[in-house]
Each structure stands twice: as structure tokens, then as C-alpha cells.
Amino acid sequence: MKNAILFIFILFATSVSSQNTIGNKPSILVYGIAPYTLEPTAYKVSVTLSVMDAQYSGSVYTSVNEMKDEFLRKLSEKGVNTTKITENEIDFIAPGRNGSGTSLIFITTDKEEFKKFLTITIPGYYLGNIQFKVKIKNKTSADVYKEALADAKENAELLAQQMNKKIGTILRVDSPSLPKEYQWSFFGQEEQLRIQVTYELVGN
């Protein structure tokens, strides 16, 4: 499959190579790809408790504090450390919700504790966003960039050979950023870095 893609790219590159220049230097543009796997280092989830919605479902809750106490009690019974929970009433009010309620945010580095949290529900409970802090598994960011550059160089050499030329120095690299462990994100386990590299094209 890769050979077929390269063949199509060769035909395209050959037809435009005379026009592809950077700083008056003939050049060739290729892509390099490096796969990597993400693993979570921390887990974050937000939940909403709404007294009005609980009452619609036949609950006897009369206040948000009563709902919250019941929810926290069930979490404690399940083995969840409720001191890791923070309250944010603004998150409940901001979307224009009616009635009494609140939003709770739970953060942990313990995957099993996180799974326990997700099993607890009460009337008027809504699960919000689930996010993760992640890191690249068994590699460093530098390793991934090096692999992508190596792949780009291999592709460039293959294309240059078809034009009886060689590649020279790198003239330009365009690349997205890799995930940073301190950032919250929506977790995607299998990923790939795709960079765009322009090489100088040398030879007759």
C-alpha cells in the first residue's frame, strides 16, 4: 500500500519539481509518520446534581445539600476518597439551568478508584465530561520526532531517486505538537505524529 502511495506521489512530485523551490533552491516536500501510544496518568470527571430533575423522577430530595450528602455517602461506601472532589456551583448555573443544584469535579490518579466513581448514580445525577492527563508510553517526545523525521527522509530519498537526484539539507519542517502531560485532554490511545518536511533537491 505504501509503495502504491509513493508511486502516485512520485508522479505528482516529478511533474511539479521544477516549480517547487524555497529561496531559489529546488526542493522536495514529503511527509513523515511516527505512531505512538498514550497512557493516562490522571483522570478527571464532572457530574451535575439537579434537585428539580431528581424530583421529576419521584425522589424525595428537598435540597441540593441533601442530594450531595447522599451522593458522597455512596461514594465513600464504595471506597472513593471524597476529599478529591471539589464543588463548582458556577458550572451548574452557567448553562441556564433552573432550580437548585451543583456540579462536582473528581480528580484522581487511581484508575480503579475512577472506575468506582463512575458506578455511582442517584436520581437527578448527570455525568459530564471525562478527561485525562496522558503521557507517551515507552517513548519520549524526542523519540517520536526522530522516528517521524527518519520516515520523512526515507520517503524523500525514494522520491529523489526516481528523478535521478539526491536530497540535501532540510529547508523546512512543519509539525503539530505532541501531547503534554500537564494538559487535560480527551483520551485517544493510539495516535500518530504526521510531519511535513521540505528537503533541498540536488543533482542534475
N, C-alpha and C. Protein backbone atom coordinates (compact mmCIF):
# COMPACT_ATOMS: atom_id res chain seq x y z
N MET A 1 0.83 -1.21 0.00
CA MET A 1 0.00 0.00 0.00
C MET A 1 0.86 1.25 0.00
N LYS A 2 1.93 1.21 0.82
CA LYS A 2 2.82 2.36 0.89
C LYS A 2 3.50 2.59 -0.44
N ASN A 3 3.89 1.49 -1.15
CA ASN A 3 4.54 1.63 -2.44
C ASN A 3 3.60 2.27 -3.46
N ALA A 4 2.31 1.91 -3.37
CA ALA A 4 1.33 2.49 -4.30
C ALA A 4 1.18 3.99 -4.06
N ILE A 5 1.13 4.36 -2.79
CA ILE A 5 1.00 5.77 -2.43
C ILE A 5 2.24 6.54 -2.90
N LEU A 6 3.42 5.93 -2.68
CA LEU A 6 4.66 6.57 -3.10
C LEU A 6 4.69 6.74 -4.61
N PHE A 7 4.19 5.75 -5.36
CA PHE A 7 4.20 5.82 -6.80
C PHE A 7 3.35 6.99 -7.30
N ILE A 8 2.18 7.16 -6.69
CA ILE A 8 1.31 8.29 -7.04
C ILE A 8 2.00 9.60 -6.72
N PHE A 9 2.63 9.64 -5.56
CA PHE A 9 3.32 10.85 -5.12
C PHE A 9 4.51 11.13 -6.05
N ILE A 10 5.21 10.08 -6.51
CA ILE A 10 6.34 10.24 -7.41
C ILE A 10 5.90 10.93 -8.71
N LEU A 11 4.78 10.46 -9.26
CA LEU A 11 4.28 11.06 -10.48
C LEU A 11 3.95 12.53 -10.28
N PHE A 12 3.33 12.83 -9.15
CA PHE A 12 2.97 14.21 -8.85
C PHE A 12 4.22 15.05 -8.63
N ALA A 13 5.16 14.53 -7.82
CA ALA A 13 6.36 15.30 -7.49
C ALA A 13 7.19 15.55 -8.74
N THR A 14 7.25 14.56 -9.65
CA THR A 14 8.05 14.72 -10.86
C THR A 14 7.48 15.84 -11.73
N SER A 15 6.16 15.96 -11.76
CA SER A 15 5.54 16.94 -12.63
C SER A 15 5.67 18.36 -12.11
N VAL A 16 5.93 18.52 -10.80
CA VAL A 16 5.97 19.88 -10.24
C VAL A 16 7.33 20.22 -9.65
N SER A 17 8.30 19.32 -9.71
CA SER A 17 9.57 19.55 -9.04
C SER A 17 10.28 20.79 -9.54
N SER A 18 10.13 21.12 -10.83
CA SER A 18 10.83 22.29 -11.36
C SER A 18 10.26 23.59 -10.80
N GLN A 19 9.01 23.53 -10.32
CA GLN A 19 8.37 24.72 -9.78
C GLN A 19 8.49 24.80 -8.26
N ASN A 20 8.92 23.71 -7.63
CA ASN A 20 8.94 23.64 -6.17
C ASN A 20 10.29 24.14 -5.66
N THR A 21 10.35 25.39 -5.24
CA THR A 21 11.59 25.98 -4.77
C THR A 21 11.37 26.73 -3.47
N ILE A 22 12.41 26.78 -2.65
CA ILE A 22 12.43 27.59 -1.44
C ILE A 22 13.74 28.37 -1.46
N GLY A 23 13.65 29.70 -1.46
CA GLY A 23 14.85 30.52 -1.52
C GLY A 23 15.68 30.23 -2.75
N ASN A 24 15.00 30.03 -3.90
CA ASN A 24 15.66 29.72 -5.19
C ASN A 24 16.36 28.36 -5.20
N LYS A 25 16.08 27.52 -4.22
CA LYS A 25 16.66 26.18 -4.19
C LYS A 25 15.60 25.16 -4.59
N PRO A 26 15.89 24.28 -5.56
CA PRO A 26 14.94 23.20 -5.88
C PRO A 26 14.70 22.36 -4.62
N SER A 27 13.47 21.98 -4.41
CA SER A 27 13.16 21.26 -3.16
C SER A 27 12.11 20.19 -3.40
N ILE A 28 11.99 19.34 -2.42
CA ILE A 28 11.01 18.26 -2.46
C ILE A 28 10.31 18.19 -1.11
N LEU A 29 9.00 18.07 -1.13
CA LEU A 29 8.21 18.05 0.11
C LEU A 29 7.68 16.64 0.34
N VAL A 30 7.87 16.12 1.55
CA VAL A 30 7.40 14.78 1.90
C VAL A 30 6.77 14.81 3.29
N TYR A 31 6.11 13.70 3.62
CA TYR A 31 5.53 13.53 4.94
C TYR A 31 6.23 12.40 5.67
N GLY A 32 6.34 12.55 6.97
CA GLY A 32 6.88 11.50 7.82
C GLY A 32 5.89 11.17 8.92
N ILE A 33 5.74 9.89 9.20
CA ILE A 33 4.74 9.46 10.19
C ILE A 33 5.41 8.59 11.26
N ALA A 34 5.04 8.82 12.51
CA ALA A 34 5.53 8.00 13.62
C ALA A 34 4.36 7.68 14.55
N PRO A 35 4.06 6.40 14.75
CA PRO A 35 2.97 6.04 15.66
C PRO A 35 3.42 6.11 17.12
N TYR A 36 2.49 6.36 18.00
CA TYR A 36 2.78 6.31 19.44
C TYR A 36 1.50 6.00 20.20
N THR A 37 1.67 5.54 21.41
CA THR A 37 0.54 5.17 22.26
C THR A 37 0.51 6.07 23.50
N LEU A 38 -0.68 6.53 23.82
CA LEU A 38 -0.86 7.36 25.01
C LEU A 38 -1.38 6.51 26.16
N GLU A 39 -0.93 6.82 27.36
CA GLU A 39 -1.48 6.19 28.56
C GLU A 39 -1.83 7.28 29.57
N PRO A 40 -2.95 7.13 30.27
CA PRO A 40 -3.38 8.17 31.21
C PRO A 40 -2.54 8.16 32.49
N THR A 41 -2.32 9.34 33.02
CA THR A 41 -1.64 9.49 34.31
C THR A 41 -2.57 10.07 35.37
N ALA A 42 -3.69 10.65 34.94
CA ALA A 42 -4.68 11.20 35.87
C ALA A 42 -6.03 11.21 35.18
N TYR A 43 -7.08 11.16 35.99
CA TYR A 43 -8.45 11.06 35.49
C TYR A 43 -9.29 12.18 36.09
N LYS A 44 -10.16 12.76 35.29
CA LYS A 44 -11.00 13.87 35.74
C LYS A 44 -12.41 13.69 35.19
N VAL A 45 -13.39 13.89 36.05
CA VAL A 45 -14.78 13.78 35.61
C VAL A 45 -15.62 14.83 36.34
N SER A 46 -16.60 15.37 35.66
CA SER A 46 -17.54 16.30 36.28
C SER A 46 -18.93 15.68 36.27
N VAL A 47 -19.68 15.92 37.34
CA VAL A 47 -21.05 15.44 37.42
C VAL A 47 -21.95 16.58 37.88
N THR A 48 -23.21 16.51 37.49
CA THR A 48 -24.20 17.53 37.87
C THR A 48 -25.28 16.88 38.72
N LEU A 49 -25.66 17.58 39.78
CA LEU A 49 -26.76 17.15 40.64
C LEU A 49 -27.86 18.19 40.56
N SER A 50 -29.05 17.79 40.15
CA SER A 50 -30.18 18.71 39.98
C SER A 50 -31.36 18.25 40.82
N VAL A 51 -31.76 19.11 41.78
CA VAL A 51 -32.89 18.77 42.66
C VAL A 51 -34.18 18.66 41.86
N MET A 52 -34.39 19.57 40.92
CA MET A 52 -35.62 19.57 40.12
C MET A 52 -35.75 18.27 39.32
N ASP A 53 -34.65 17.87 38.67
CA ASP A 53 -34.70 16.64 37.88
C ASP A 53 -34.89 15.41 38.77
N ALA A 54 -34.31 15.46 39.96
CA ALA A 54 -34.49 14.35 40.90
C ALA A 54 -35.95 14.23 41.32
N GLN A 55 -36.59 15.37 41.56
CA GLN A 55 -38.00 15.35 41.97
C GLN A 55 -38.91 14.87 40.86
N TYR A 56 -38.56 15.19 39.60
CA TYR A 56 -39.33 14.70 38.46
C TYR A 56 -39.33 13.17 38.40
N SER A 57 -38.23 12.58 38.88
CA SER A 57 -38.13 11.12 38.84
C SER A 57 -38.70 10.46 40.09
N GLY A 58 -39.35 11.25 40.94
CA GLY A 58 -40.01 10.72 42.13
C GLY A 58 -39.17 10.73 43.37
N SER A 59 -38.01 11.41 43.34
CA SER A 59 -37.12 11.45 44.50
C SER A 59 -37.72 12.33 45.60
N VAL A 60 -37.29 12.09 46.83
CA VAL A 60 -37.77 12.87 47.97
C VAL A 60 -36.77 13.96 48.37
N TYR A 61 -35.70 14.15 47.56
CA TYR A 61 -34.73 15.19 47.88
C TYR A 61 -35.41 16.56 47.90
N THR A 62 -35.10 17.33 48.92
CA THR A 62 -35.68 18.68 49.04
C THR A 62 -34.63 19.78 48.90
N SER A 63 -33.34 19.42 48.94
CA SER A 63 -32.29 20.43 48.83
C SER A 63 -31.07 19.83 48.16
N VAL A 64 -30.23 20.72 47.63
CA VAL A 64 -29.02 20.27 46.96
C VAL A 64 -28.05 19.65 47.96
N ASN A 65 -28.04 20.16 49.19
CA ASN A 65 -27.16 19.59 50.21
C ASN A 65 -27.55 18.16 50.55
N GLU A 66 -28.85 17.91 50.56
CA GLU A 66 -29.33 16.55 50.83
C GLU A 66 -28.88 15.60 49.72
N MET A 67 -28.98 16.06 48.48
CA MET A 67 -28.53 15.25 47.33
C MET A 67 -27.04 15.00 47.40
N LYS A 68 -26.31 16.05 47.66
CA LYS A 68 -24.85 15.95 47.69
C LYS A 68 -24.40 15.00 48.80
N ASP A 69 -25.01 15.11 49.98
CA ASP A 69 -24.64 14.23 51.09
C ASP A 69 -24.89 12.77 50.75
N GLU A 70 -26.01 12.51 50.06
CA GLU A 70 -26.35 11.14 49.67
C GLU A 70 -25.34 10.60 48.65
N PHE A 71 -24.99 11.44 47.71
CA PHE A 71 -24.04 11.04 46.67
C PHE A 71 -22.67 10.75 47.28
N LEU A 72 -22.20 11.64 48.16
CA LEU A 72 -20.89 11.46 48.78
C LEU A 72 -20.88 10.24 49.70
N ARG A 73 -22.01 9.97 50.36
CA ARG A 73 -22.10 8.79 51.22
C ARG A 73 -21.93 7.52 50.41
N LYS A 74 -22.60 7.46 49.27
CA LYS A 74 -22.49 6.27 48.41
C LYS A 74 -21.08 6.10 47.87
N LEU A 75 -20.44 7.20 47.54
CA LEU A 75 -19.06 7.13 47.07
C LEU A 75 -18.14 6.58 48.16
N SER A 76 -18.31 7.09 49.37
CA SER A 76 -17.48 6.64 50.49
C SER A 76 -17.66 5.15 50.74
N GLU A 77 -18.90 4.68 50.66
CA GLU A 77 -19.18 3.27 50.87
C GLU A 77 -18.51 2.40 49.79
N LYS A 78 -18.31 2.97 48.63
CA LYS A 78 -17.68 2.26 47.53
C LYS A 78 -16.16 2.30 47.61
N GLY A 79 -15.62 3.12 48.53
CA GLY A 79 -14.17 3.21 48.68
C GLY A 79 -13.54 4.36 47.95
N VAL A 80 -14.35 5.34 47.54
CA VAL A 80 -13.83 6.52 46.84
C VAL A 80 -13.47 7.59 47.87
N ASN A 81 -12.29 8.17 47.72
CA ASN A 81 -11.83 9.24 48.61
C ASN A 81 -12.52 10.55 48.21
N THR A 82 -13.54 10.95 48.97
CA THR A 82 -14.34 12.12 48.60
C THR A 82 -13.63 13.44 48.84
N THR A 83 -12.46 13.42 49.48
CA THR A 83 -11.70 14.67 49.64
C THR A 83 -11.10 15.11 48.30
N LYS A 84 -11.13 14.24 47.31
CA LYS A 84 -10.63 14.58 45.98
C LYS A 84 -11.69 15.29 45.14
N ILE A 85 -12.85 15.51 45.72
CA ILE A 85 -13.96 16.15 45.00
C ILE A 85 -14.02 17.63 45.35
N THR A 86 -14.16 18.45 44.33
CA THR A 86 -14.37 19.88 44.53
C THR A 86 -15.72 20.26 43.94
N GLU A 87 -16.31 21.31 44.50
CA GLU A 87 -17.63 21.76 44.05
C GLU A 87 -17.50 23.05 43.24
N ASN A 88 -18.28 23.14 42.17
CA ASN A 88 -18.28 24.32 41.32
C ASN A 88 -19.72 24.66 40.95
N GLU A 89 -20.35 25.51 41.75
CA GLU A 89 -21.75 25.86 41.51
C GLU A 89 -21.93 26.64 40.22
N ILE A 90 -20.90 27.39 39.80
CA ILE A 90 -21.00 28.18 38.57
C ILE A 90 -21.21 27.28 37.36
N ASP A 91 -20.57 26.11 37.34
CA ASP A 91 -20.74 25.17 36.23
C ASP A 91 -22.20 24.72 36.13
N PHE A 92 -22.89 24.69 37.24
CA PHE A 92 -24.31 24.30 37.21
C PHE A 92 -25.17 25.44 36.70
N ILE A 93 -24.87 26.65 37.14
CA ILE A 93 -25.69 27.82 36.80
C ILE A 93 -25.44 28.30 35.37
N ALA A 94 -24.20 28.23 34.92
CA ALA A 94 -23.79 28.84 33.65
C ALA A 94 -24.65 28.43 32.45
N PRO A 95 -25.02 27.16 32.27
CA PRO A 95 -25.82 26.80 31.09
C PRO A 95 -27.27 27.27 31.16
N GLY A 96 -27.64 27.95 32.26
CA GLY A 96 -29.01 28.43 32.41
C GLY A 96 -29.96 27.42 33.00
N ARG A 97 -29.45 26.50 33.80
CA ARG A 97 -30.31 25.50 34.43
C ARG A 97 -31.22 26.15 35.47
N ASN A 98 -32.40 25.59 35.61
CA ASN A 98 -33.36 26.08 36.60
C ASN A 98 -33.30 25.24 37.87
N GLY A 99 -33.72 25.84 38.99
CA GLY A 99 -33.79 25.11 40.24
C GLY A 99 -32.46 25.01 40.94
N SER A 100 -32.46 24.25 42.02
CA SER A 100 -31.25 24.08 42.83
C SER A 100 -30.42 22.93 42.30
N GLY A 101 -29.12 23.10 42.44
CA GLY A 101 -28.22 22.04 42.01
C GLY A 101 -26.77 22.48 42.14
N THR A 102 -25.88 21.60 41.75
CA THR A 102 -24.46 21.92 41.82
C THR A 102 -23.70 21.00 40.87
N SER A 103 -22.45 21.34 40.65
CA SER A 103 -21.56 20.50 39.86
C SER A 103 -20.38 20.08 40.72
N LEU A 104 -19.99 18.83 40.60
CA LEU A 104 -18.87 18.28 41.35
C LEU A 104 -17.79 17.81 40.37
N ILE A 105 -16.53 18.02 40.74
CA ILE A 105 -15.41 17.59 39.91
C ILE A 105 -14.53 16.65 40.72
N PHE A 106 -14.25 15.50 40.15
CA PHE A 106 -13.45 14.48 40.82
C PHE A 106 -12.18 14.24 40.01
N ILE A 107 -11.01 14.30 40.67
CA ILE A 107 -9.73 14.07 40.03
C ILE A 107 -8.94 13.03 40.83
N THR A 108 -8.39 12.05 40.14
CA THR A 108 -7.60 11.01 40.80
C THR A 108 -6.55 10.47 39.84
N THR A 109 -5.51 9.90 40.41
CA THR A 109 -4.51 9.20 39.60
C THR A 109 -4.72 7.68 39.66
N ASP A 110 -5.72 7.26 40.42
CA ASP A 110 -6.01 5.84 40.63
C ASP A 110 -7.11 5.39 39.68
N LYS A 111 -6.77 4.57 38.70
CA LYS A 111 -7.73 4.13 37.70
C LYS A 111 -8.89 3.36 38.32
N GLU A 112 -8.60 2.48 39.28
CA GLU A 112 -9.65 1.67 39.90
C GLU A 112 -10.61 2.55 40.69
N GLU A 113 -10.08 3.56 41.38
CA GLU A 113 -10.93 4.49 42.11
C GLU A 113 -11.82 5.26 41.15
N PHE A 114 -11.26 5.64 40.01
CA PHE A 114 -12.02 6.36 38.99
C PHE A 114 -13.18 5.51 38.48
N LYS A 115 -12.93 4.24 38.26
CA LYS A 115 -13.97 3.34 37.78
C LYS A 115 -15.06 3.17 38.83
N LYS A 116 -14.68 3.13 40.10
CA LYS A 116 -15.67 3.05 41.17
C LYS A 116 -16.57 4.29 41.18
N PHE A 117 -15.96 5.45 40.99
CA PHE A 117 -16.73 6.70 40.97
C PHE A 117 -17.81 6.65 39.90
N LEU A 118 -17.46 6.12 38.73
CA LEU A 118 -18.39 6.11 37.61
C LEU A 118 -19.57 5.16 37.81
N THR A 119 -19.48 4.25 38.79
CA THR A 119 -20.57 3.30 39.02
C THR A 119 -21.68 3.88 39.89
N ILE A 120 -21.43 5.02 40.53
CA ILE A 120 -22.39 5.58 41.48
C ILE A 120 -23.34 6.55 40.80
N THR A 121 -24.62 6.35 40.97
CA THR A 121 -25.63 7.28 40.46
C THR A 121 -26.72 7.47 41.51
N ILE A 122 -27.41 8.59 41.42
CA ILE A 122 -28.59 8.86 42.23
C ILE A 122 -29.58 9.60 41.34
N PRO A 123 -30.86 9.70 41.71
CA PRO A 123 -31.80 10.47 40.91
C PRO A 123 -31.33 11.93 40.77
N GLY A 124 -31.45 12.48 39.56
CA GLY A 124 -31.02 13.85 39.32
C GLY A 124 -29.54 14.00 39.04
N TYR A 125 -28.87 12.86 38.82
CA TYR A 125 -27.42 12.85 38.58
C TYR A 125 -27.16 12.79 37.07
N TYR A 126 -26.23 13.60 36.61
CA TYR A 126 -25.82 13.57 35.20
C TYR A 126 -24.30 13.55 35.11
N LEU A 127 -23.80 12.63 34.30
CA LEU A 127 -22.36 12.53 34.08
C LEU A 127 -21.94 13.55 33.03
N GLY A 128 -20.88 14.32 33.33
CA GLY A 128 -20.38 15.32 32.40
C GLY A 128 -19.16 14.83 31.66
N ASN A 129 -18.25 15.75 31.38
CA ASN A 129 -17.04 15.42 30.62
C ASN A 129 -16.09 14.52 31.40
N ILE A 130 -15.51 13.57 30.69
CA ILE A 130 -14.42 12.76 31.23
C ILE A 130 -13.15 13.15 30.49
N GLN A 131 -12.12 13.52 31.23
CA GLN A 131 -10.86 13.94 30.63
C GLN A 131 -9.68 13.23 31.29
N PHE A 132 -8.54 13.31 30.63
CA PHE A 132 -7.36 12.60 31.10
C PHE A 132 -6.13 13.48 30.95
N LYS A 133 -5.16 13.26 31.84
CA LYS A 133 -3.81 13.70 31.58
C LYS A 133 -3.07 12.47 31.08
N VAL A 134 -2.32 12.64 30.00
CA VAL A 134 -1.70 11.49 29.37
C VAL A 134 -0.20 11.72 29.14
N LYS A 135 0.48 10.63 28.93
CA LYS A 135 1.89 10.69 28.54
C LYS A 135 2.11 9.64 27.45
N ILE A 136 3.17 9.82 26.69
CA ILE A 136 3.51 8.87 25.64
C ILE A 136 4.13 7.62 26.29
N LYS A 137 3.61 6.47 25.92
CA LYS A 137 4.02 5.21 26.54
C LYS A 137 5.30 4.67 25.91
N ASN A 138 6.28 4.37 26.76
CA ASN A 138 7.54 3.71 26.36
C ASN A 138 8.37 4.50 25.35
N LYS A 139 8.10 5.78 25.22
CA LYS A 139 8.88 6.65 24.33
C LYS A 139 8.93 8.04 24.93
N THR A 140 9.88 8.82 24.47
CA THR A 140 9.90 10.25 24.78
C THR A 140 9.40 11.01 23.55
N SER A 141 9.07 12.26 23.75
CA SER A 141 8.65 13.09 22.61
C SER A 141 9.76 13.14 21.57
N ALA A 142 11.01 13.22 22.04
CA ALA A 142 12.14 13.27 21.11
C ALA A 142 12.20 12.00 20.26
N ASP A 143 11.90 10.84 20.85
CA ASP A 143 11.90 9.58 20.10
C ASP A 143 10.89 9.63 18.95
N VAL A 144 9.70 10.16 19.25
CA VAL A 144 8.64 10.21 18.23
C VAL A 144 9.03 11.14 17.10
N TYR A 145 9.57 12.31 17.44
CA TYR A 145 10.00 13.25 16.40
C TYR A 145 11.10 12.64 15.53
N LYS A 146 12.06 11.95 16.16
CA LYS A 146 13.15 11.33 15.41
C LYS A 146 12.62 10.27 14.44
N GLU A 147 11.64 9.48 14.89
CA GLU A 147 11.06 8.45 14.03
C GLU A 147 10.34 9.07 12.84
N ALA A 148 9.62 10.16 13.09
CA ALA A 148 8.89 10.83 12.01
C ALA A 148 9.87 11.43 11.00
N LEU A 149 10.95 12.03 11.49
CA LEU A 149 11.97 12.59 10.60
C LEU A 149 12.66 11.50 9.78
N ALA A 150 12.92 10.37 10.42
CA ALA A 150 13.56 9.26 9.71
C ALA A 150 12.64 8.74 8.60
N ASP A 151 11.35 8.67 8.88
CA ASP A 151 10.40 8.22 7.88
C ASP A 151 10.32 9.22 6.73
N ALA A 152 10.34 10.51 7.05
CA ALA A 152 10.30 11.54 6.02
C ALA A 152 11.55 11.47 5.14
N LYS A 153 12.71 11.26 5.75
CA LYS A 153 13.95 11.17 4.98
C LYS A 153 13.91 9.97 4.03
N GLU A 154 13.43 8.84 4.52
CA GLU A 154 13.33 7.64 3.67
C GLU A 154 12.43 7.91 2.47
N ASN A 155 11.29 8.56 2.71
CA ASN A 155 10.37 8.88 1.62
C ASN A 155 11.00 9.85 0.63
N ALA A 156 11.72 10.84 1.15
CA ALA A 156 12.35 11.84 0.28
C ALA A 156 13.42 11.19 -0.60
N GLU A 157 14.20 10.30 -0.03
CA GLU A 157 15.26 9.63 -0.80
C GLU A 157 14.65 8.77 -1.91
N LEU A 158 13.56 8.08 -1.61
CA LEU A 158 12.90 7.25 -2.62
C LEU A 158 12.39 8.10 -3.78
N LEU A 159 11.79 9.25 -3.44
CA LEU A 159 11.27 10.13 -4.48
C LEU A 159 12.39 10.76 -5.29
N ALA A 160 13.44 11.20 -4.61
CA ALA A 160 14.56 11.84 -5.30
C ALA A 160 15.23 10.87 -6.28
N GLN A 161 15.33 9.61 -5.89
CA GLN A 161 15.94 8.60 -6.76
C GLN A 161 15.19 8.46 -8.08
N GLN A 162 13.87 8.59 -8.01
CA GLN A 162 13.06 8.47 -9.22
C GLN A 162 13.30 9.63 -10.19
N MET A 163 13.87 10.71 -9.68
CA MET A 163 14.18 11.88 -10.52
C MET A 163 15.67 12.01 -10.77
N ASN A 164 16.41 10.94 -10.42
CA ASN A 164 17.87 10.94 -10.57
C ASN A 164 18.53 12.10 -9.83
N LYS A 165 18.03 12.34 -8.67
CA LYS A 165 18.57 13.40 -7.83
C LYS A 165 18.81 12.86 -6.42
N LYS A 166 19.38 13.71 -5.57
CA LYS A 166 19.59 13.38 -4.17
C LYS A 166 19.00 14.49 -3.31
N ILE A 167 18.78 14.13 -2.04
CA ILE A 167 18.29 15.16 -1.13
C ILE A 167 19.47 15.83 -0.43
N GLY A 168 19.29 17.12 -0.15
CA GLY A 168 20.31 17.87 0.59
C GLY A 168 19.83 18.17 1.99
N THR A 169 20.01 19.39 2.41
CA THR A 169 19.64 19.78 3.77
C THR A 169 18.14 19.99 3.90
N ILE A 170 17.67 19.92 5.12
CA ILE A 170 16.27 20.22 5.41
C ILE A 170 16.07 21.73 5.32
N LEU A 171 15.08 22.14 4.55
CA LEU A 171 14.79 23.57 4.39
C LEU A 171 13.65 24.02 5.30
N ARG A 172 12.76 23.10 5.62
CA ARG A 172 11.60 23.48 6.43
C ARG A 172 10.94 22.23 7.02
N VAL A 173 10.46 22.38 8.25
CA VAL A 173 9.69 21.31 8.91
C VAL A 173 8.43 21.92 9.51
N ASP A 174 7.29 21.33 9.21
CA ASP A 174 6.02 21.72 9.82
C ASP A 174 5.49 20.52 10.60
N SER A 175 5.19 20.75 11.88
CA SER A 175 4.77 19.64 12.73
C SER A 175 3.79 20.11 13.80
N PRO A 176 2.77 19.30 14.08
CA PRO A 176 1.91 19.59 15.22
C PRO A 176 2.65 19.28 16.52
N SER A 177 2.11 19.76 17.62
CA SER A 177 2.72 19.49 18.93
C SER A 177 2.25 18.14 19.45
N LEU A 178 3.11 17.48 20.16
CA LEU A 178 2.73 16.24 20.85
C LEU A 178 2.04 16.59 22.16
N PRO A 179 1.21 15.68 22.71
CA PRO A 179 0.51 15.96 23.96
C PRO A 179 1.48 16.24 25.11
N LYS A 180 1.13 17.18 25.96
CA LYS A 180 1.90 17.49 27.16
C LYS A 180 1.19 16.87 28.36
N GLU A 181 1.95 16.29 29.27
CA GLU A 181 1.35 15.55 30.38
C GLU A 181 0.54 16.45 31.31
N TYR A 182 0.86 17.74 31.37
CA TYR A 182 0.15 18.62 32.29
C TYR A 182 -1.20 19.08 31.73
N GLN A 183 -1.50 18.79 30.47
CA GLN A 183 -2.73 19.26 29.85
C GLN A 183 -3.84 18.22 30.01
N TRP A 184 -5.06 18.72 30.24
CA TRP A 184 -6.23 17.84 30.24
C TRP A 184 -6.70 17.68 28.81
N SER A 185 -7.04 16.47 28.42
CA SER A 185 -7.48 16.22 27.05
C SER A 185 -8.47 15.06 27.04
N PHE A 186 -9.12 14.89 25.90
CA PHE A 186 -9.97 13.73 25.70
C PHE A 186 -9.09 12.61 25.16
N PHE A 187 -9.05 11.54 25.87
CA PHE A 187 -8.03 10.50 25.68
C PHE A 187 -8.25 9.72 24.39
N GLY A 188 -7.20 9.64 23.57
CA GLY A 188 -7.18 8.77 22.40
C GLY A 188 -5.94 7.91 22.51
N GLN A 189 -6.09 6.60 22.59
CA GLN A 189 -4.95 5.74 22.95
C GLN A 189 -3.94 5.61 21.82
N GLU A 190 -4.39 5.23 20.63
CA GLU A 190 -3.47 5.03 19.51
C GLU A 190 -3.44 6.30 18.67
N GLU A 191 -2.27 6.89 18.55
CA GLU A 191 -2.12 8.15 17.82
C GLU A 191 -0.95 8.04 16.85
N GLN A 192 -0.78 9.07 16.03
CA GLN A 192 0.40 9.15 15.19
C GLN A 192 0.76 10.61 14.96
N LEU A 193 2.06 10.85 14.89
CA LEU A 193 2.58 12.18 14.57
C LEU A 193 2.83 12.21 13.07
N ARG A 194 2.31 13.23 12.40
CA ARG A 194 2.49 13.39 10.95
C ARG A 194 3.14 14.74 10.71
N ILE A 195 4.37 14.71 10.21
CA ILE A 195 5.10 15.95 9.97
C ILE A 195 5.31 16.15 8.47
N GLN A 196 5.53 17.39 8.11
CA GLN A 196 5.78 17.76 6.71
C GLN A 196 7.19 18.33 6.62
N VAL A 197 8.04 17.73 5.78
CA VAL A 197 9.44 18.13 5.70
C VAL A 197 9.79 18.50 4.26
N THR A 198 10.48 19.62 4.09
CA THR A 198 10.95 20.04 2.78
C THR A 198 12.47 19.92 2.75
N TYR A 199 12.97 19.12 1.80
CA TYR A 199 14.41 18.93 1.62
C TYR A 199 14.89 19.68 0.38
N GLU A 200 16.13 20.10 0.42
CA GLU A 200 16.76 20.61 -0.79
C GLU A 200 16.97 19.45 -1.75
N LEU A 201 16.76 19.69 -3.02
CA LEU A 201 16.90 18.68 -4.05
C LEU A 201 18.15 19.00 -4.87
N VAL A 202 19.11 18.09 -4.87
CA VAL A 202 20.40 18.38 -5.52
C VAL A 202 20.68 17.36 -6.63
N GLY A 203 21.55 17.75 -7.57
CA GLY A 203 21.90 16.86 -8.67
C GLY A 203 21.40 17.41 -9.99
N ASN A 204 21.83 16.80 -11.06
CA ASN A 204 21.45 17.25 -12.40
C ASN A 204 20.02 16.85 -12.73
